[in-house]
Amino acid sequence: MARLIVSASSVLTFAPHIVFRFDEVRQCWIILAPERLMMPDEQAVEILKLVDGKTGVGAIVEQLAARYAQAPRDLIAKDVTDMLQELADKGCLAGAAAG
């Protein structure tokens, strides 16, 4: 299977076997994968909440740049793309189906 390359035009969704949710017991957001649990940091959670299978990475960056206007947009774009690429490489994210 070809590697998913995350770019500004990418529209991502969580892979079918991945669950991203707030865990009441731990009182934090978690990513559940088969036989694996990840606890993303606060910045990652803010990004992942915007991954909906409809919104492109560029639009996610724009939303975050507006919310955190004190941070340089290019730094936000790099951080968002790098983090999403890492999760895509781990099989947690997939490209959303067109249409």
PDB file of N, CA and C in Angstrom:
ATOM      1  N   MET A   1       0.844  -1.184   0.000  1.00  0.00           N
ATOM      2  CA  MET A   1       0.000   0.000   0.000  1.00  0.00           C
ATOM      3  C   MET A   1       0.884   1.239   0.000  1.00  0.00           C
ATOM      4  N   ALA A   2       0.530   2.213  -0.808  1.00  0.00           N
ATOM      5  CA  ALA A   2       1.318   3.431  -0.934  1.00  0.00           C
ATOM      6  C   ALA A   2       1.191   4.288   0.331  1.00  0.00           C
ATOM      7  N   ARG A   3       2.267   4.970   0.652  1.00  0.00           N
ATOM      8  CA  ARG A   3       2.282   5.859   1.816  1.00  0.00           C
ATOM      9  C   ARG A   3       1.391   7.073   1.535  1.00  0.00           C
ATOM     10  N   LEU A   4       0.547   7.412   2.496  1.00  0.00           N
ATOM     11  CA  LEU A   4      -0.282   8.609   2.406  1.00  0.00           C
ATOM     12  C   LEU A   4       0.606   9.809   2.723  1.00  0.00           C
ATOM     13  N   ILE A   5       0.706  10.741   1.793  1.00  0.00           N
ATOM     14  CA  ILE A   5       1.480  11.958   2.009  1.00  0.00           C
ATOM     15  C   ILE A   5       0.503  13.077   2.373  1.00  0.00           C
ATOM     16  N   VAL A   6       0.690  13.638   3.563  1.00  0.00           N
ATOM     17  CA  VAL A   6      -0.186  14.697   4.054  1.00  0.00           C
ATOM     18  C   VAL A   6       0.272  16.039   3.489  1.00  0.00           C
ATOM     19  N   SER A   7      -0.666  16.757   2.863  1.00  0.00           N
ATOM     20  CA  SER A   7      -0.397  18.093   2.334  1.00  0.00           C
ATOM     21  C   SER A   7      -1.582  18.989   2.674  1.00  0.00           C
ATOM     22  N   ALA A   8      -1.479  20.251   2.313  1.00  0.00           N
ATOM     23  CA  ALA A   8      -2.553  21.209   2.604  1.00  0.00           C
ATOM     24  C   ALA A   8      -3.877  20.786   1.979  1.00  0.00           C
ATOM     25  N   SER A   9      -3.824  20.087   0.861  1.00  0.00           N
ATOM     26  CA  SER A   9      -5.058  19.683   0.180  1.00  0.00           C
ATOM     27  C   SER A   9      -5.616  18.346   0.685  1.00  0.00           C
ATOM     28  N   SER A  10      -4.892  17.674   1.563  1.00  0.00           N
ATOM     29  CA  SER A  10      -5.349  16.378   2.082  1.00  0.00           C
ATOM     30  C   SER A  10      -6.603  16.546   2.935  1.00  0.00           C
ATOM     31  N   VAL A  11      -7.545  15.649   2.745  1.00  0.00           N
ATOM     32  CA  VAL A  11      -8.726  15.556   3.600  1.00  0.00           C
ATOM     33  C   VAL A  11      -8.595  14.222   4.313  1.00  0.00           C
ATOM     34  N   LEU A  12      -8.492  14.282   5.630  1.00  0.00           N
ATOM     35  CA  LEU A  12      -8.197  13.088   6.409  1.00  0.00           C
ATOM     36  C   LEU A  12      -9.365  12.660   7.284  1.00  0.00           C
ATOM     37  N   THR A  13      -9.358  11.398   7.615  1.00  0.00           N
ATOM     38  CA  THR A  13     -10.318  10.825   8.543  1.00  0.00           C
ATOM     39  C   THR A  13      -9.574   9.802   9.386  1.00  0.00           C
ATOM     40  N   PHE A  14     -10.153   9.426  10.490  1.00  0.00           N
ATOM     41  CA  PHE A  14      -9.528   8.384  11.289  1.00  0.00           C
ATOM     42  C   PHE A  14      -9.722   7.054  10.574  1.00  0.00           C
ATOM     43  N   ALA A  15      -8.692   6.223  10.607  1.00  0.00           N
ATOM     44  CA  ALA A  15      -8.784   4.897  10.011  1.00  0.00           C
ATOM     45  C   ALA A  15      -9.921   4.132  10.700  1.00  0.00           C
ATOM     46  N   PRO A  16     -10.532   3.173  10.004  1.00  0.00           N
ATOM     47  CA  PRO A  16     -11.688   2.469  10.562  1.00  0.00           C
ATOM     48  C   PRO A  16     -11.437   1.799  11.920  1.00  0.00           C
ATOM     49  N   HIS A  17     -10.226   1.379  12.173  1.00  0.00           N
ATOM     50  CA  HIS A  17      -9.908   0.678  13.418  1.00  0.00           C
ATOM     51  C   HIS A  17      -9.468   1.612  14.547  1.00  0.00           C
ATOM     52  N   ILE A  18      -9.547   2.914  14.321  1.00  0.00           N
ATOM     53  CA  ILE A  18      -9.083   3.903  15.298  1.00  0.00           C
ATOM     54  C   ILE A  18     -10.268   4.612  15.941  1.00  0.00           C
ATOM     55  N   VAL A  19     -10.171   4.816  17.249  1.00  0.00           N
ATOM     56  CA  VAL A  19     -11.183   5.571  17.982  1.00  0.00           C
ATOM     57  C   VAL A  19     -10.477   6.728  18.687  1.00  0.00           C
ATOM     58  N   PHE A  20     -10.957   7.941  18.437  1.00  0.00           N
ATOM     59  CA  PHE A  20     -10.451   9.140  19.112  1.00  0.00           C
ATOM     60  C   PHE A  20     -11.586   9.646  19.977  1.00  0.00           C
ATOM     61  N   ARG A  21     -11.379   9.653  21.295  1.00  0.00           N
ATOM     62  CA  ARG A  21     -12.465  10.055  22.189  1.00  0.00           C
ATOM     63  C   ARG A  21     -11.913  10.538  23.522  1.00  0.00           C
ATOM     64  N   PHE A  22     -12.789  11.204  24.271  1.00  0.00           N
ATOM     65  CA  PHE A  22     -12.435  11.626  25.626  1.00  0.00           C
ATOM     66  C   PHE A  22     -12.662  10.445  26.556  1.00  0.00           C
ATOM     67  N   ASP A  23     -11.655  10.097  27.326  1.00  0.00           N
ATOM     68  CA  ASP A  23     -11.734   8.978  28.257  1.00  0.00           C
ATOM     69  C   ASP A  23     -12.074   9.514  29.645  1.00  0.00           C
ATOM     70  N   GLU A  24     -13.254   9.172  30.132  1.00  0.00           N
ATOM     71  CA  GLU A  24     -13.720   9.668  31.433  1.00  0.00           C
ATOM     72  C   GLU A  24     -12.827   9.201  32.582  1.00  0.00           C
ATOM     73  N   VAL A  25     -12.355   7.969  32.515  1.00  0.00           N
ATOM     74  CA  VAL A  25     -11.523   7.423  33.595  1.00  0.00           C
ATOM     75  C   VAL A  25     -10.208   8.184  33.707  1.00  0.00           C
ATOM     76  N   ARG A  26      -9.559   8.399  32.574  1.00  0.00           N
ATOM     77  CA  ARG A  26      -8.258   9.088  32.560  1.00  0.00           C
ATOM     78  C   ARG A  26      -8.400  10.609  32.556  1.00  0.00           C
ATOM     79  N   GLN A  27      -9.606  11.096  32.242  1.00  0.00           N
ATOM     80  CA  GLN A  27      -9.875  12.524  32.118  1.00  0.00           C
ATOM     81  C   GLN A  27      -8.954  13.182  31.079  1.00  0.00           C
ATOM     82  N   CYS A  28      -8.826  12.507  29.930  1.00  0.00           N
ATOM     83  CA  CYS A  28      -8.042  13.062  28.832  1.00  0.00           C
ATOM     84  C   CYS A  28      -8.504  12.423  27.524  1.00  0.00           C
ATOM     85  N   TRP A  29      -8.110  13.044  26.418  1.00  0.00           N
ATOM     86  CA  TRP A  29      -8.397  12.506  25.094  1.00  0.00           C
ATOM     87  C   TRP A  29      -7.435  11.378  24.800  1.00  0.00           C
ATOM     88  N   ILE A  30      -7.937  10.334  24.140  1.00  0.00           N
ATOM     89  CA  ILE A  30      -7.095   9.193  23.797  1.00  0.00           C
ATOM     90  C   ILE A  30      -7.345   8.772  22.355  1.00  0.00           C
ATOM     91  N   ILE A  31      -6.363   8.095  21.808  1.00  0.00           N
ATOM     92  CA  ILE A  31      -6.483   7.432  20.510  1.00  0.00           C
ATOM     93  C   ILE A  31      -6.362   5.945  20.808  1.00  0.00           C
ATOM     94  N   LEU A  32      -7.427   5.206  20.520  1.00  0.00           N
ATOM     95  CA  LEU A  32      -7.421   3.759  20.728  1.00  0.00           C
ATOM     96  C   LEU A  32      -7.183   3.068  19.397  1.00  0.00           C
ATOM     97  N   ALA A  33      -6.184   2.219  19.388  1.00  0.00           N
ATOM     98  CA  ALA A  33      -5.883   1.396  18.231  1.00  0.00           C
ATOM     99  C   ALA A  33      -5.812  -0.040  18.734  1.00  0.00           C
ATOM    100  N   PRO A  34      -5.912  -1.004  17.849  1.00  0.00           N
ATOM    101  CA  PRO A  34      -5.802  -2.389  18.312  1.00  0.00           C
ATOM    102  C   PRO A  34      -4.519  -2.594  19.129  1.00  0.00           C
ATOM    103  N   GLU A  35      -4.700  -3.050  20.352  1.00  0.00           N
ATOM    104  CA  GLU A  35      -3.604  -3.345  21.266  1.00  0.00           C
ATOM    105  C   GLU A  35      -2.682  -2.151  21.530  1.00  0.00           C
ATOM    106  N   ARG A  36      -3.209  -0.948  21.375  1.00  0.00           N
ATOM    107  CA  ARG A  36      -2.397   0.248  21.580  1.00  0.00           C
ATOM    108  C   ARG A  36      -3.283   1.395  22.050  1.00  0.00           C
ATOM    109  N   LEU A  37      -2.747   2.201  22.946  1.00  0.00           N
ATOM    110  CA  LEU A  37      -3.425   3.385  23.440  1.00  0.00           C
ATOM    111  C   LEU A  37      -2.443   4.539  23.361  1.00  0.00           C
ATOM    112  N   MET A  38      -2.876   5.637  22.753  1.00  0.00           N
ATOM    113  CA  MET A  38      -2.032   6.834  22.679  1.00  0.00           C
ATOM    114  C   MET A  38      -2.747   7.967  23.380  1.00  0.00           C
ATOM    115  N   MET A  39      -1.972   8.781  24.073  1.00  0.00           N
ATOM    116  CA  MET A  39      -2.529   9.936  24.770  1.00  0.00           C
ATOM    117  C   MET A  39      -1.897  11.193  24.171  1.00  0.00           C
ATOM    118  N   PRO A  40      -2.570  11.787  23.165  1.00  0.00           N
ATOM    119  CA  PRO A  40      -2.014  12.967  22.497  1.00  0.00           C
ATOM    120  C   PRO A  40      -1.952  14.162  23.445  1.00  0.00           C
ATOM    121  N   ASP A  41      -0.956  15.023  23.209  1.00  0.00           N
ATOM    122  CA  ASP A  41      -0.848  16.225  24.041  1.00  0.00           C
ATOM    123  C   ASP A  41      -1.947  17.218  23.653  1.00  0.00           C
ATOM    124  N   GLU A  42      -2.025  18.296  24.406  1.00  0.00           N
ATOM    125  CA  GLU A  42      -3.100  19.279  24.238  1.00  0.00           C
ATOM    126  C   GLU A  42      -3.140  19.859  22.828  1.00  0.00           C
ATOM    127  N   GLN A  43      -1.973  20.152  22.255  1.00  0.00           N
ATOM    128  CA  GLN A  43      -1.932  20.709  20.898  1.00  0.00           C
ATOM    129  C   GLN A  43      -2.443  19.697  19.880  1.00  0.00           C
ATOM    130  N   ALA A  44      -2.035  18.447  20.019  1.00  0.00           N
ATOM    131  CA  ALA A  44      -2.492  17.409  19.093  1.00  0.00           C
ATOM    132  C   ALA A  44      -4.002  17.226  19.183  1.00  0.00           C
ATOM    133  N   VAL A  45      -4.543  17.268  20.395  1.00  0.00           N
ATOM    134  CA  VAL A  45      -5.988  17.131  20.580  1.00  0.00           C
ATOM    135  C   VAL A  45      -6.734  18.225  19.822  1.00  0.00           C
ATOM    136  N   GLU A  46      -6.252  19.468  19.914  1.00  0.00           N
ATOM    137  CA  GLU A  46      -6.915  20.580  19.211  1.00  0.00           C
ATOM    138  C   GLU A  46      -6.913  20.352  17.700  1.00  0.00           C
ATOM    139  N   ILE A  47      -5.846  19.786  17.178  1.00  0.00           N
ATOM    140  CA  ILE A  47      -5.762  19.466  15.747  1.00  0.00           C
ATOM    141  C   ILE A  47      -6.713  18.315  15.415  1.00  0.00           C
ATOM    142  N   LEU A  48      -6.642  17.238  16.204  1.00  0.00           N
ATOM    143  CA  LEU A  48      -7.427  16.041  15.916  1.00  0.00           C
ATOM    144  C   LEU A  48      -8.929  16.271  16.020  1.00  0.00           C
ATOM    145  N   LYS A  49      -9.346  17.208  16.842  1.00  0.00           N
ATOM    146  CA  LYS A  49     -10.768  17.531  16.933  1.00  0.00           C
ATOM    147  C   LYS A  49     -11.291  18.092  15.610  1.00  0.00           C
ATOM    148  N   LEU A  50     -10.400  18.618  14.778  1.00  0.00           N
ATOM    149  CA  LEU A  50     -10.795  19.212  13.500  1.00  0.00           C
ATOM    150  C   LEU A  50     -10.737  18.213  12.339  1.00  0.00           C
ATOM    151  N   VAL A  51     -10.210  17.015  12.582  1.00  0.00           N
ATOM    152  CA  VAL A  51     -10.148  15.974  11.549  1.00  0.00           C
ATOM    153  C   VAL A  51     -11.526  15.318  11.478  1.00  0.00           C
ATOM    154  N   ASP A  52     -12.241  15.604  10.386  1.00  0.00           N
ATOM    155  CA  ASP A  52     -13.625  15.146  10.293  1.00  0.00           C
ATOM    156  C   ASP A  52     -13.973  14.456   8.977  1.00  0.00           C
ATOM    157  N   GLY A  53     -12.972  14.238   8.133  1.00  0.00           N
ATOM    158  CA  GLY A  53     -13.244  13.599   6.851  1.00  0.00           C
ATOM    159  C   GLY A  53     -13.825  14.528   5.808  1.00  0.00           C
ATOM    160  N   LYS A  54     -13.970  15.808   6.153  1.00  0.00           N
ATOM    161  CA  LYS A  54     -14.525  16.798   5.219  1.00  0.00           C
ATOM    162  C   LYS A  54     -13.615  18.007   5.057  1.00  0.00           C
ATOM    163  N   THR A  55     -12.892  18.340   6.124  1.00  0.00           N
ATOM    164  CA  THR A  55     -12.080  19.549   6.153  1.00  0.00           C
ATOM    165  C   THR A  55     -10.650  19.230   5.739  1.00  0.00           C
ATOM    166  N   GLY A  56     -10.138  20.001   4.785  1.00  0.00           N
ATOM    167  CA  GLY A  56      -8.765  19.803   4.335  1.00  0.00           C
ATOM    168  C   GLY A  56      -7.761  20.296   5.370  1.00  0.00           C
ATOM    169  N   VAL A  57      -6.552  19.783   5.275  1.00  0.00           N
ATOM    170  CA  VAL A  57      -5.488  20.172   6.198  1.00  0.00           C
ATOM    171  C   VAL A  57      -5.253  21.680   6.130  1.00  0.00           C
ATOM    172  N   GLY A  58      -5.301  22.267   4.940  1.00  0.00           N
ATOM    173  CA  GLY A  58      -5.122  23.712   4.802  1.00  0.00           C
ATOM    174  C   GLY A  58      -6.165  24.490   5.584  1.00  0.00           C
ATOM    175  N   ALA A  59      -7.412  24.030   5.549  1.00  0.00           N
ATOM    176  CA  ALA A  59      -8.487  24.693   6.292  1.00  0.00           C
ATOM    177  C   ALA A  59      -8.306  24.510   7.798  1.00  0.00           C
ATOM    178  N   ILE A  60      -7.807  23.352   8.201  1.00  0.00           N
ATOM    179  CA  ILE A  60      -7.509  23.124   9.621  1.00  0.00           C
ATOM    180  C   ILE A  60      -6.441  24.110  10.081  1.00  0.00           C
ATOM    181  N   VAL A  61      -5.408  24.267   9.271  1.00  0.00           N
ATOM    182  CA  VAL A  61      -4.337  25.226   9.595  1.00  0.00           C
ATOM    183  C   VAL A  61      -4.914  26.628   9.728  1.00  0.00           C
ATOM    184  N   GLU A  62      -5.798  27.018   8.805  1.00  0.00           N
ATOM    185  CA  GLU A  62      -6.397  28.356   8.850  1.00  0.00           C
ATOM    186  C   GLU A  62      -7.216  28.559  10.124  1.00  0.00           C
ATOM    187  N   GLN A  63      -7.971  27.547  10.511  1.00  0.00           N
ATOM    188  CA  GLN A  63      -8.760  27.649  11.747  1.00  0.00           C
ATOM    189  C   GLN A  63      -7.841  27.835  12.957  1.00  0.00           C
ATOM    190  N   LEU A  64      -6.776  27.068  13.001  1.00  0.00           N
ATOM    191  CA  LEU A  64      -5.850  27.168  14.127  1.00  0.00           C
ATOM    192  C   LEU A  64      -5.076  28.487  14.103  1.00  0.00           C
ATOM    193  N   ALA A  65      -4.710  28.958  12.917  1.00  0.00           N
ATOM    194  CA  ALA A  65      -3.998  30.237  12.796  1.00  0.00           C
ATOM    195  C   ALA A  65      -4.882  31.388  13.280  1.00  0.00           C
ATOM    196  N   ALA A  66      -6.187  31.303  12.998  1.00  0.00           N
ATOM    197  CA  ALA A  66      -7.113  32.336  13.470  1.00  0.00           C
ATOM    198  C   ALA A  66      -7.269  32.265  14.984  1.00  0.00           C
ATOM    199  N   ARG A  67      -7.316  31.057  15.515  1.00  0.00           N
ATOM    200  CA  ARG A  67      -7.497  30.858  16.955  1.00  0.00           C
ATOM    201  C   ARG A  67      -6.248  31.263  17.741  1.00  0.00           C
ATOM    202  N   TYR A  68      -5.081  30.973  17.174  1.00  0.00           N
ATOM    203  CA  TYR A  68      -3.810  31.263  17.843  1.00  0.00           C
ATOM    204  C   TYR A  68      -3.028  32.283  17.016  1.00  0.00           C
ATOM    205  N   ALA A  69      -3.583  33.476  16.897  1.00  0.00           N
ATOM    206  CA  ALA A  69      -3.029  34.512  16.018  1.00  0.00           C
ATOM    207  C   ALA A  69      -1.613  34.928  16.404  1.00  0.00           C
ATOM    208  N   GLN A  70      -1.218  34.697  17.649  1.00  0.00           N
ATOM    209  CA  GLN A  70       0.121  35.083  18.079  1.00  0.00           C
ATOM    210  C   GLN A  70       1.199  34.159  17.506  1.00  0.00           C
ATOM    211  N   ALA A  71       0.825  32.983  17.046  1.00  0.00           N
ATOM    212  CA  ALA A  71       1.791  32.035  16.483  1.00  0.00           C
ATOM    213  C   ALA A  71       1.913  32.250  14.981  1.00  0.00           C
ATOM    214  N   PRO A  72       3.123  32.157  14.442  1.00  0.00           N
ATOM    215  CA  PRO A  72       3.298  32.313  12.989  1.00  0.00           C
ATOM    216  C   PRO A  72       2.555  31.213  12.223  1.00  0.00           C
ATOM    217  N   ARG A  73       1.809  31.606  11.179  1.00  0.00           N
ATOM    218  CA  ARG A  73       1.019  30.661  10.399  1.00  0.00           C
ATOM    219  C   ARG A  73       1.888  29.552   9.811  1.00  0.00           C
ATOM    220  N   ASP A  74       3.086  29.890   9.316  1.00  0.00           N
ATOM    221  CA  ASP A  74       3.930  28.865   8.701  1.00  0.00           C
ATOM    222  C   ASP A  74       4.397  27.822   9.725  1.00  0.00           C
ATOM    223  N   LEU A  75       4.591  28.239  10.965  1.00  0.00           N
ATOM    224  CA  LEU A  75       4.967  27.297  12.022  1.00  0.00           C
ATOM    225  C   LEU A  75       3.782  26.389  12.357  1.00  0.00           C
ATOM    226  N   ILE A  76       2.586  26.965  12.424  1.00  0.00           N
ATOM    227  CA  ILE A  76       1.385  26.170  12.666  1.00  0.00           C
ATOM    228  C   ILE A  76       1.220  25.142  11.547  1.00  0.00           C
ATOM    229  N   ALA A  77       1.374  25.576  10.302  1.00  0.00           N
ATOM    230  CA  ALA A  77       1.216  24.679   9.153  1.00  0.00           C
ATOM    231  C   ALA A  77       2.215  23.523   9.223  1.00  0.00           C
ATOM    232  N   LYS A  78       3.460  23.822   9.553  1.00  0.00           N
ATOM    233  CA  LYS A  78       4.484  22.776   9.642  1.00  0.00           C
ATOM    234  C   LYS A  78       4.161  21.806  10.775  1.00  0.00           C
ATOM    235  N   ASP A  79       3.806  22.325  11.932  1.00  0.00           N
ATOM    236  CA  ASP A  79       3.505  21.468  13.086  1.00  0.00           C
ATOM    237  C   ASP A  79       2.288  20.578  12.815  1.00  0.00           C
ATOM    238  N   VAL A  80       1.249  21.151  12.229  1.00  0.00           N
ATOM    239  CA  VAL A  80       0.031  20.386  11.925  1.00  0.00           C
ATOM    240  C   VAL A  80       0.347  19.287  10.915  1.00  0.00           C
ATOM    241  N   THR A  81       1.015  19.654   9.830  1.00  0.00           N
ATOM    242  CA  THR A  81       1.333  18.676   8.784  1.00  0.00           C
ATOM    243  C   THR A  81       2.231  17.571   9.324  1.00  0.00           C
ATOM    244  N   ASP A  82       3.259  17.938  10.098  1.00  0.00           N
ATOM    245  CA  ASP A  82       4.177  16.936  10.658  1.00  0.00           C
ATOM    246  C   ASP A  82       3.445  15.962  11.578  1.00  0.00           C
ATOM    247  N   MET A  83       2.589  16.492  12.451  1.00  0.00           N
ATOM    248  CA  MET A  83       1.871  15.640  13.393  1.00  0.00           C
ATOM    249  C   MET A  83       0.903  14.710  12.670  1.00  0.00           C
ATOM    250  N   LEU A  84       0.155  15.252  11.702  1.00  0.00           N
ATOM    251  CA  LEU A  84      -0.781  14.427  10.956  1.00  0.00           C
ATOM    252  C   LEU A  84      -0.049  13.383  10.114  1.00  0.00           C
ATOM    253  N   GLN A  85       1.105  13.746   9.569  1.00  0.00           N
ATOM    254  CA  GLN A  85       1.896  12.784   8.785  1.00  0.00           C
ATOM    255  C   GLN A  85       2.362  11.630   9.676  1.00  0.00           C
ATOM    256  N   GLU A  86       2.802  11.963  10.880  1.00  0.00           N
ATOM    257  CA  GLU A  86       3.254  10.924  11.818  1.00  0.00           C
ATOM    258  C   GLU A  86       2.118   9.945  12.129  1.00  0.00           C
ATOM    259  N   LEU A  87       0.918  10.470  12.354  1.00  0.00           N
ATOM    260  CA  LEU A  87      -0.224   9.597  12.642  1.00  0.00           C
ATOM    261  C   LEU A  87      -0.648   8.810  11.403  1.00  0.00           C
ATOM    262  N   ALA A  88      -0.542   9.416  10.236  1.00  0.00           N
ATOM    263  CA  ALA A  88      -0.850   8.694   8.998  1.00  0.00           C
ATOM    264  C   ALA A  88       0.150   7.550   8.806  1.00  0.00           C
ATOM    265  N   ASP A  89       1.422   7.815   9.087  1.00  0.00           N
ATOM    266  CA  ASP A  89       2.455   6.777   8.961  1.00  0.00           C
ATOM    267  C   ASP A  89       2.225   5.625   9.929  1.00  0.00           C
ATOM    268  N   LYS A  90       1.601   5.900  11.066  1.00  0.00           N
ATOM    269  CA  LYS A  90       1.291   4.863  12.058  1.00  0.00           C
ATOM    270  C   LYS A  90      -0.009   4.130  11.728  1.00  0.00           C
ATOM    271  N   GLY A  91      -0.703   4.572  10.667  1.00  0.00           N
ATOM    272  CA  GLY A  91      -1.940   3.930  10.260  1.00  0.00           C
ATOM    273  C   GLY A  91      -3.174   4.432  11.007  1.00  0.00           C
ATOM    274  N   CYS A  92      -3.031   5.539  11.723  1.00  0.00           N
ATOM    275  CA  CYS A  92      -4.159   6.080  12.486  1.00  0.00           C
ATOM    276  C   CYS A  92      -5.076   6.945  11.628  1.00  0.00           C
ATOM    277  N   LEU A  93      -4.543   7.538  10.577  1.00  0.00           N
ATOM    278  CA  LEU A  93      -5.320   8.416   9.695  1.00  0.00           C
ATOM    279  C   LEU A  93      -5.313   7.859   8.285  1.00  0.00           C
ATOM    280  N   ALA A  94      -6.382   8.151   7.576  1.00  0.00           N
ATOM    281  CA  ALA A  94      -6.508   7.737   6.193  1.00  0.00           C
ATOM    282  C   ALA A  94      -7.062   8.904   5.401  1.00  0.00           C
ATOM    283  N   GLY A  95      -6.879   8.841   4.082  1.00  0.00           N
ATOM    284  CA  GLY A  95      -7.487   9.842   3.224  1.00  0.00           C
ATOM    285  C   GLY A  95      -8.986   9.597   3.176  1.00  0.00           C
ATOM    286  N   ALA A  96      -9.755  10.668   3.242  1.00  0.00           N
ATOM    287  CA  ALA A  96     -11.220  10.536   3.183  1.00  0.00           C
ATOM    288  C   ALA A  96     -11.621  10.165   1.774  1.00  0.00           C
ATOM    289  N   ALA A  97     -12.651   9.366   1.660  1.00  0.00           N
ATOM    290  CA  ALA A  97     -13.154   8.966   0.352  1.00  0.00           C
ATOM    291  C   ALA A  97     -13.742  10.176  -0.359  1.00  0.00           C
ATOM    292  N   ALA A  98     -13.441  10.314  -1.627  1.00  0.00           N
ATOM    293  CA  ALA A  98     -13.973  11.440  -2.420  1.00  0.00           C
ATOM    294  C   ALA A  98     -15.461  11.260  -2.625  1.00  0.00           C
ATOM    295  N   GLY A  99     -16.144  12.408  -2.674  1.00  0.00           N
ATOM    296  CA  GLY A  99     -17.554  12.368  -2.986  1.00  0.00           C
ATOM    297  C   GLY A  99     -18.347  12.368  -1.744  1.00  0.00           C
TER     298      GLY A  99
END
